[in-house]
Amino acid sequence: MVHEWSLADALLKYVATVYGTNIKTLRLRVGVLQSIDKEILLFSIRELAGLHNIRLGEVVIEEEEARFKCSRCGYEWVFKPEEFNTETREAVHFMPEAVYAFTKCPACGSRDFKIVKGRGLEIAEVVKY
């Protein structure tokens, strides 16, 4: 919960600075590699909006799948965190780069790949009142 609270706090400070304090719609995209609890993030955003004097309407949080591309053979694939045990998912949650230790290209077996998408928290859209 502390992780989501910190993200919500930083996000709202940024939104207030860049977009102002009257927000009709805030659409976020959360990468699956971050293992962010969307319900806790939403709760944190709602609670902190009042503390930051932000009038906030609809908040939409979309999850973005993690997609990798092999640097050796060019194969692209989708990361499925549910295929890993809790310990591995937690390691990737705290340090997304740890995924390189637990994953390899399904086509050629290389561990040399890039994270194409599915990492971090992104503001997808802001609509002001």
Protein backbone atom coordinates (compact mmCIF):
# COMPACT_ATOMS: atom_id res chain seq x y z
CA MET A 1 0.00 0.00 0.00
CA VAL A 2 2.89 2.37 0.69
CA HIS A 3 4.11 1.90 -2.90
CA GLU A 4 0.72 2.83 -4.37
CA TRP A 5 0.29 5.75 -1.95
CA SER A 6 3.68 7.19 -2.98
CA LEU A 7 2.85 6.80 -6.67
CA ALA A 8 -0.55 8.46 -6.18
CA ASP A 9 1.01 11.36 -4.29
CA ALA A 10 3.66 12.02 -6.96
CA LEU A 11 1.11 11.58 -9.74
CA LEU A 12 -1.34 14.08 -8.26
CA LYS A 13 1.36 16.66 -7.61
CA TYR A 14 2.39 16.36 -11.26
CA VAL A 15 -1.20 16.51 -12.53
CA ALA A 16 -1.93 19.62 -10.43
CA THR A 17 1.22 21.35 -11.68
CA VAL A 18 0.75 20.51 -15.37
CA TYR A 19 -3.03 20.29 -15.80
CA GLY A 20 -4.47 22.24 -12.88
CA THR A 21 -6.76 21.17 -10.07
CA ASN A 22 -10.08 20.65 -11.89
CA ILE A 23 -9.85 17.24 -13.52
CA LYS A 24 -12.92 15.63 -15.09
CA THR A 25 -11.21 12.42 -16.28
CA LEU A 26 -7.86 10.94 -15.37
CA ARG A 27 -6.93 7.86 -17.39
CA LEU A 28 -3.86 5.92 -16.30
CA ARG A 29 -2.01 2.99 -17.82
CA VAL A 30 -0.20 0.69 -15.38
CA GLY A 31 2.36 -1.81 -16.63
CA VAL A 32 1.87 -5.34 -15.38
CA LEU A 33 5.58 -5.54 -14.45
CA GLN A 34 4.99 -3.02 -11.68
CA SER A 35 2.50 -5.33 -9.91
CA ILE A 36 0.55 -2.31 -8.70
CA ASP A 37 -2.69 -3.07 -6.88
CA LYS A 38 -5.16 -1.03 -8.92
CA GLU A 39 -7.77 -0.86 -6.15
CA ILE A 40 -5.24 0.49 -3.65
CA LEU A 41 -3.91 2.96 -6.23
CA LEU A 42 -7.44 4.18 -6.96
CA PHE A 43 -8.20 4.51 -3.23
CA SER A 44 -4.93 6.43 -2.71
CA ILE A 45 -5.66 8.79 -5.61
CA ARG A 46 -9.15 9.52 -4.29
CA GLU A 47 -7.93 10.14 -0.73
CA LEU A 48 -4.97 12.29 -1.74
CA ALA A 49 -6.92 14.35 -4.29
CA GLY A 50 -8.71 16.03 -1.40
CA LEU A 51 -5.45 16.73 0.41
CA HIS A 52 -4.05 18.35 -2.74
CA ASN A 53 -7.28 20.33 -3.30
CA ILE A 54 -7.87 18.60 -6.62
CA ARG A 55 -11.43 18.30 -7.88
CA LEU A 56 -11.34 14.88 -9.47
CA GLY A 57 -14.09 13.20 -11.47
CA GLU A 58 -13.62 9.85 -13.16
CA VAL A 59 -10.42 7.88 -12.67
CA VAL A 60 -9.78 4.99 -15.06
CA ILE A 61 -6.87 2.62 -14.50
CA GLU A 62 -5.99 0.32 -17.40
CA GLU A 63 -3.48 -2.49 -17.15
CA GLU A 64 -0.89 -2.74 -19.91
CA GLU A 65 0.52 -6.16 -20.71
CA ALA A 66 4.27 -6.64 -20.66
CA ARG A 67 5.74 -7.29 -24.08
CA PHE A 68 9.32 -8.32 -24.75
CA LYS A 69 11.45 -8.45 -27.90
CA CYS A 70 14.46 -10.71 -28.24
CA SER A 71 17.62 -8.86 -29.25
CA ARG A 72 19.06 -12.03 -30.76
CA CYS A 73 16.28 -13.40 -32.99
CA GLY A 74 13.69 -10.59 -32.98
CA TYR A 75 10.87 -12.71 -31.55
CA GLU A 76 8.23 -10.78 -29.57
CA TRP A 77 6.18 -12.29 -26.75
CA VAL A 78 3.86 -11.37 -23.91
CA PHE A 79 5.01 -11.82 -20.33
CA LYS A 80 2.50 -13.67 -18.14
CA PRO A 81 3.29 -13.03 -14.46
CA GLU A 82 0.75 -15.64 -13.34
CA GLU A 83 3.12 -18.30 -14.72
CA PHE A 84 5.66 -17.45 -11.99
CA ASN A 85 5.60 -18.19 -8.28
CA THR A 86 4.87 -15.51 -5.69
CA GLU A 87 8.55 -15.00 -4.83
CA THR A 88 9.48 -14.33 -8.46
CA ARG A 89 6.54 -11.98 -8.99
CA GLU A 90 7.54 -10.06 -5.87
CA ALA A 91 11.15 -9.75 -7.06
CA VAL A 92 9.95 -8.34 -10.39
CA HIS A 93 7.53 -6.02 -8.56
CA PHE A 94 10.32 -4.36 -6.57
CA MET A 95 12.84 -4.40 -9.40
CA PRO A 96 11.35 -4.92 -12.88
CA GLU A 97 14.82 -5.55 -14.31
CA ALA A 98 14.84 -8.81 -12.32
CA VAL A 99 12.64 -10.21 -15.07
CA TYR A 100 15.84 -10.84 -17.05
CA ALA A 101 16.94 -13.41 -14.47
CA PHE A 102 13.68 -15.36 -14.67
CA THR A 103 12.70 -15.13 -18.34
CA LYS A 104 14.24 -16.08 -21.65
CA CYS A 105 13.15 -15.92 -25.27
CA PRO A 106 10.72 -18.77 -25.99
CA ALA A 107 12.05 -19.02 -29.56
CA CYS A 108 15.83 -19.13 -29.08
CA GLY A 109 16.44 -19.25 -25.31
CA SER A 110 18.38 -15.97 -25.16
CA ARG A 111 18.15 -13.77 -22.07
CA ASP A 112 19.09 -10.75 -24.19
CA PHE A 113 15.74 -9.04 -24.73
CA LYS A 114 14.15 -5.63 -24.35
CA ILE A 115 11.02 -4.65 -22.45
CA VAL A 116 8.91 -3.13 -25.23
CA LYS A 117 5.96 -2.17 -23.02
CA GLY A 118 4.29 -2.97 -19.73
CA ARG A 119 6.52 -1.17 -17.29
CA GLY A 120 5.73 1.83 -15.15
CA LEU A 121 2.79 4.15 -14.66
CA GLU A 122 1.70 6.41 -17.50
CA ILE A 123 -0.84 9.19 -17.76
CA ALA A 124 -2.83 8.18 -20.84
CA GLU A 125 -5.34 11.05 -20.80
CA VAL A 126 -6.38 14.06 -18.74
CA VAL A 127 -9.65 15.88 -19.41
CA LYS A 128 -10.21 19.12 -17.52
CA TYR A 129 -13.58 20.49 -16.40
